[in-house]
C-alpha cells in the first residue's frame, strides 16, 4: 500500500513537470509490469475476457487498444455499441467495472 502511494505521488510529480507523453507512457507500462509481477493486477487478457463475457458487453464489439491509467490503476476498454463507442473503466486490481462513458 505504501509502495503504491509512493509510486502514485512520484508519478504525479513527474507529470506536473511536463514530461513528454511518451516518457509517461513508458513509466505507466513499467509500473504496470511491476504490479503484474507482484500479483497486484489481473492479467490484461483475463480482465478483457471477463468484461467481454458480461452483459451488455457480450453483445458489443471489443475494439482493442486498451489504455492503462496508472494513477488510478484502471484500464479503459473500448467497445462498439451500434454506431457508438463505449469506454468501460475497469479496476486492474479487482476486475470491477468502475465507470463507463457513455
Protein backbone atom coordinates (compact mmCIF):
# COMPACT_ATOMS: atom_id res chain seq x y z
CA UNK A 1 0.00 0.00 0.00
CA UNK A 2 2.78 2.41 0.93
CA UNK A 3 4.68 1.49 -2.21
CA UNK A 4 1.61 2.21 -4.37
CA UNK A 5 1.19 5.57 -2.65
CA UNK A 6 4.83 6.47 -3.24
CA UNK A 7 4.59 5.43 -6.89
CA UNK A 8 1.40 7.46 -7.32
CA UNK A 9 2.97 10.53 -5.73
CA UNK A 10 6.12 10.16 -7.81
CA UNK A 11 4.00 9.85 -10.95
CA UNK A 12 2.06 12.99 -10.04
CA UNK A 13 5.27 14.96 -9.51
CA UNK A 14 6.73 13.77 -12.81
CA UNK A 15 3.52 14.54 -14.67
CA UNK A 16 3.40 18.03 -13.23
CA UNK A 17 6.91 18.76 -14.51
CA UNK A 18 5.73 18.45 -18.10
CA UNK A 19 7.41 15.16 -19.01
CA UNK A 20 6.75 14.15 -22.61
CA UNK A 21 3.75 11.88 -23.15
CA UNK A 22 5.90 9.05 -24.49
CA UNK A 23 8.01 9.05 -21.33
CA UNK A 24 4.87 8.97 -19.17
CA UNK A 25 3.58 6.03 -21.20
CA UNK A 26 6.82 4.15 -20.63
CA UNK A 27 6.62 4.78 -16.88
CA UNK A 28 2.99 3.65 -16.83
CA UNK A 29 3.97 0.43 -18.60
CA UNK A 30 6.86 -0.11 -16.19
CA UNK A 31 4.51 0.45 -13.24
CA UNK A 32 2.03 -1.99 -14.75
CA UNK A 33 4.67 -4.66 -15.35
CA UNK A 34 5.91 -4.32 -11.77
CA UNK A 35 2.38 -4.58 -10.38
CA UNK A 36 1.64 -7.63 -12.55
CA UNK A 37 4.87 -9.33 -11.48
CA UNK A 38 3.85 -8.86 -7.85
CA UNK A 39 0.33 -10.18 -8.49
CA UNK A 40 -1.27 -6.81 -7.73
CA UNK A 41 -3.22 -6.62 -11.00
CA UNK A 42 -5.27 -9.05 -13.06
CA UNK A 43 -3.56 -10.04 -16.33
CA UNK A 44 -4.99 -7.92 -19.15
CA UNK A 45 -6.16 -10.81 -21.34
CA UNK A 46 -8.09 -12.31 -18.42
CA UNK A 47 -9.60 -8.95 -17.49
CA UNK A 48 -10.74 -8.32 -21.09
CA UNK A 49 -12.25 -11.82 -21.33
CA UNK A 50 -14.17 -11.30 -18.08
CA UNK A 51 -15.63 -7.97 -19.18
CA UNK A 52 -16.49 -9.31 -22.66
CA UNK A 53 -18.45 -12.17 -21.08
CA UNK A 54 -20.74 -9.81 -19.09
CA UNK A 55 -23.95 -8.25 -20.40
CA UNK A 56 -24.25 -5.82 -22.12
CA UNK A 57 -20.62 -6.00 -23.30
CA UNK A 58 -21.07 -9.54 -24.58
CA UNK A 59 -23.32 -8.08 -27.31
CA UNK A 60 -20.82 -5.34 -28.23
CA UNK A 61 -17.71 -5.45 -30.38
CA UNK A 62 -14.47 -5.04 -28.46
CA UNK A 63 -12.26 -2.53 -30.30
CA UNK A 64 -8.94 -3.35 -28.62
CA UNK A 65 -6.22 -0.85 -27.79
CA UNK A 66 -6.74 -0.82 -24.01
CA UNK A 67 -5.29 2.12 -22.13
CA UNK A 68 -3.86 1.87 -18.63
CA UNK A 69 -4.35 4.80 -16.27
CA UNK A 70 -1.58 4.23 -13.72
CA UNK A 71 -2.66 6.95 -11.32
CA UNK A 72 -5.96 5.15 -10.78
CA UNK A 73 -4.85 1.57 -11.59
CA UNK A 74 -7.68 1.42 -14.13
CA UNK A 75 -7.94 0.11 -17.68
CA UNK A 76 -10.05 1.91 -20.25
CA UNK A 77 -11.54 -0.65 -22.66
CA UNK A 78 -13.33 0.46 -25.83
CA UNK A 79 -16.41 -1.26 -27.21
CA UNK A 80 -18.66 -0.50 -30.17
CA UNK A 81 -22.39 -0.50 -29.47
CA UNK A 82 -24.09 0.02 -32.81
CA UNK A 83 -22.60 3.30 -34.03
CA UNK A 84 -21.48 4.49 -30.59
CA UNK A 85 -18.11 3.95 -28.90
CA UNK A 86 -18.45 2.95 -25.25
CA UNK A 87 -15.47 3.24 -22.93
CA UNK A 88 -15.56 0.95 -19.91
CA UNK A 89 -13.27 1.68 -16.96
CA UNK A 90 -12.14 -1.45 -15.10
CA UNK A 91 -10.15 -1.64 -11.87
CA UNK A 92 -6.95 -3.51 -12.78
CA UNK A 93 -6.67 -4.97 -9.27
CA UNK A 94 -10.19 -6.36 -8.85
CA UNK A 95 -11.71 -6.55 -12.35
CA UNK A 96 -14.65 -4.48 -11.11
CA UNK A 97 -16.21 -2.05 -13.60
CA UNK A 98 -15.82 1.39 -12.02
CA UNK A 99 -17.19 3.61 -14.77
CA UNK A 100 -18.49 3.92 -18.30
CA UNK A 101 -18.78 6.62 -20.99
CA UNK A 102 -21.47 7.00 -22.28
